[in-house]
């Protein structure tokens, strides 16, 4: 089993394999919303960086699903 790190995902502690990227975390979480907004440690992450942004111990990740509609 690969080494794991602890992160906070949407306010809940999670353990993920070391080296997990934001894109992989989205897959693991079943997140498929193409309009998803991701924050890492209170900073916006551009969708083009999801594949190349590895998570670090203690990161705070927020998945924000915009509500489009009236």
C-alpha atoms as a PDB file:
ATOM      1  CA  UNK A   1       0.000   0.000   0.000  1.00  0.00           C
ATOM      2  CA  UNK A   2       1.480   3.382  -0.997  1.00  0.00           C
ATOM      3  CA  UNK A   3       2.158   5.967   1.722  1.00  0.00           C
ATOM      4  CA  UNK A   4      -0.860   8.128   2.508  1.00  0.00           C
ATOM      5  CA  UNK A   5      -1.370  11.757   3.448  1.00  0.00           C
ATOM      6  CA  UNK A   6      -4.208  13.417   5.304  1.00  0.00           C
ATOM      7  CA  UNK A   7      -6.157  16.249   3.694  1.00  0.00           C
ATOM      8  CA  UNK A   8      -9.374  18.087   4.483  1.00  0.00           C
ATOM      9  CA  UNK A   9     -11.940  17.674   1.693  1.00  0.00           C
ATOM     10  CA  UNK A  10     -15.057  19.814   2.010  1.00  0.00           C
ATOM     11  CA  UNK A  11     -14.495  20.045   5.762  1.00  0.00           C
ATOM     12  CA  UNK A  12     -13.894  16.325   6.356  1.00  0.00           C
ATOM     13  CA  UNK A  13     -10.583  14.570   7.027  1.00  0.00           C
ATOM     14  CA  UNK A  14      -9.627  12.165   4.267  1.00  0.00           C
ATOM     15  CA  UNK A  15      -6.607   9.965   3.662  1.00  0.00           C
ATOM     16  CA  UNK A  16      -5.369   9.702   0.083  1.00  0.00           C
ATOM     17  CA  UNK A  17      -2.316   8.135  -1.523  1.00  0.00           C
ATOM     18  CA  UNK A  18       0.741  10.363  -1.594  1.00  0.00           C
ATOM     19  CA  UNK A  19       1.075  12.000  -5.021  1.00  0.00           C
ATOM     20  CA  UNK A  20      -2.687  12.199  -5.617  1.00  0.00           C
ATOM     21  CA  UNK A  21      -3.547  15.075  -7.951  1.00  0.00           C
ATOM     22  CA  UNK A  22      -6.682  17.191  -7.851  1.00  0.00           C
ATOM     23  CA  UNK A  23      -7.911  15.389 -10.987  1.00  0.00           C
ATOM     24  CA  UNK A  24      -7.430  11.997  -9.302  1.00  0.00           C
ATOM     25  CA  UNK A  25      -9.169  13.220  -6.139  1.00  0.00           C
ATOM     26  CA  UNK A  26     -12.129  14.271  -8.277  1.00  0.00           C
ATOM     27  CA  UNK A  27     -12.242  10.784  -9.822  1.00  0.00           C
ATOM     28  CA  UNK A  28     -11.975   9.123  -6.403  1.00  0.00           C
ATOM     29  CA  UNK A  29     -14.832  11.313  -5.129  1.00  0.00           C
ATOM     30  CA  UNK A  30     -17.047  10.596  -8.135  1.00  0.00           C
ATOM     31  CA  UNK A  31     -17.123  14.300  -8.992  1.00  0.00           C
ATOM     32  CA  UNK A  32     -18.221  14.780 -12.606  1.00  0.00           C
ATOM     33  CA  UNK A  33     -19.578  18.363 -12.646  1.00  0.00           C
ATOM     34  CA  UNK A  34     -17.837  20.080 -15.574  1.00  0.00           C
ATOM     35  CA  UNK A  35     -18.484  23.472 -13.932  1.00  0.00           C
ATOM     36  CA  UNK A  36     -16.838  22.470 -10.647  1.00  0.00           C
ATOM     37  CA  UNK A  37     -14.725  25.114  -8.932  1.00  0.00           C
ATOM     38  CA  UNK A  38     -11.802  23.876  -6.823  1.00  0.00           C
ATOM     39  CA  UNK A  39     -10.065  25.742  -4.024  1.00  0.00           C
ATOM     40  CA  UNK A  40      -6.827  24.553  -2.465  1.00  0.00           C
ATOM     41  CA  UNK A  41      -5.948  26.240   0.815  1.00  0.00           C
ATOM     42  CA  UNK A  42      -8.431  29.047   0.061  1.00  0.00           C
ATOM     43  CA  UNK A  43      -6.979  29.730  -3.398  1.00  0.00           C
ATOM     44  CA  UNK A  44      -8.691  29.078  -6.732  1.00  0.00           C
ATOM     45  CA  UNK A  45      -7.123  26.307  -8.824  1.00  0.00           C
ATOM     46  CA  UNK A  46      -7.540  26.673 -12.588  1.00  0.00           C
ATOM     47  CA  UNK A  47      -9.035  23.590 -14.228  1.00  0.00           C
ATOM     48  CA  UNK A  48      -5.993  23.289 -16.527  1.00  0.00           C
ATOM     49  CA  UNK A  49      -3.888  22.586 -13.412  1.00  0.00           C
ATOM     50  CA  UNK A  50      -6.023  19.746 -12.003  1.00  0.00           C
ATOM     51  CA  UNK A  51      -3.925  17.033 -13.717  1.00  0.00           C
ATOM     52  CA  UNK A  52      -0.605  18.461 -12.550  1.00  0.00           C
ATOM     53  CA  UNK A  53      -1.371  19.705  -9.026  1.00  0.00           C
ATOM     54  CA  UNK A  54      -0.398  17.106  -6.417  1.00  0.00           C
ATOM     55  CA  UNK A  55      -1.906  17.306  -2.963  1.00  0.00           C
ATOM     56  CA  UNK A  56       0.228  17.829   0.139  1.00  0.00           C
ATOM     57  CA  UNK A  57      -0.225  16.785   3.749  1.00  0.00           C
ATOM     58  CA  UNK A  58      -2.770  19.055   5.432  1.00  0.00           C
ATOM     59  CA  UNK A  59      -4.166  20.621   2.239  1.00  0.00           C
ATOM     60  CA  UNK A  60      -7.680  22.012   2.522  1.00  0.00           C
ATOM     61  CA  UNK A  61      -9.608  21.237  -0.653  1.00  0.00           C
ATOM     62  CA  UNK A  62     -13.069  22.572  -1.386  1.00  0.00           C
ATOM     63  CA  UNK A  63     -15.203  21.335  -4.284  1.00  0.00           C
ATOM     64  CA  UNK A  64     -17.740  24.031  -5.111  1.00  0.00           C
ATOM     65  CA  UNK A  65     -20.611  23.211  -7.428  1.00  0.00           C
ATOM     66  CA  UNK A  66     -21.968  26.461  -8.887  1.00  0.00           C
ATOM     67  CA  UNK A  67     -25.740  26.627  -8.936  1.00  0.00           C
ATOM     68  CA  UNK A  68     -26.756  27.875 -12.345  1.00  0.00           C
ATOM     69  CA  UNK A  69     -30.404  28.676 -12.632  1.00  0.00           C
ATOM     70  CA  UNK A  70     -33.077  31.061 -11.592  1.00  0.00           C
END
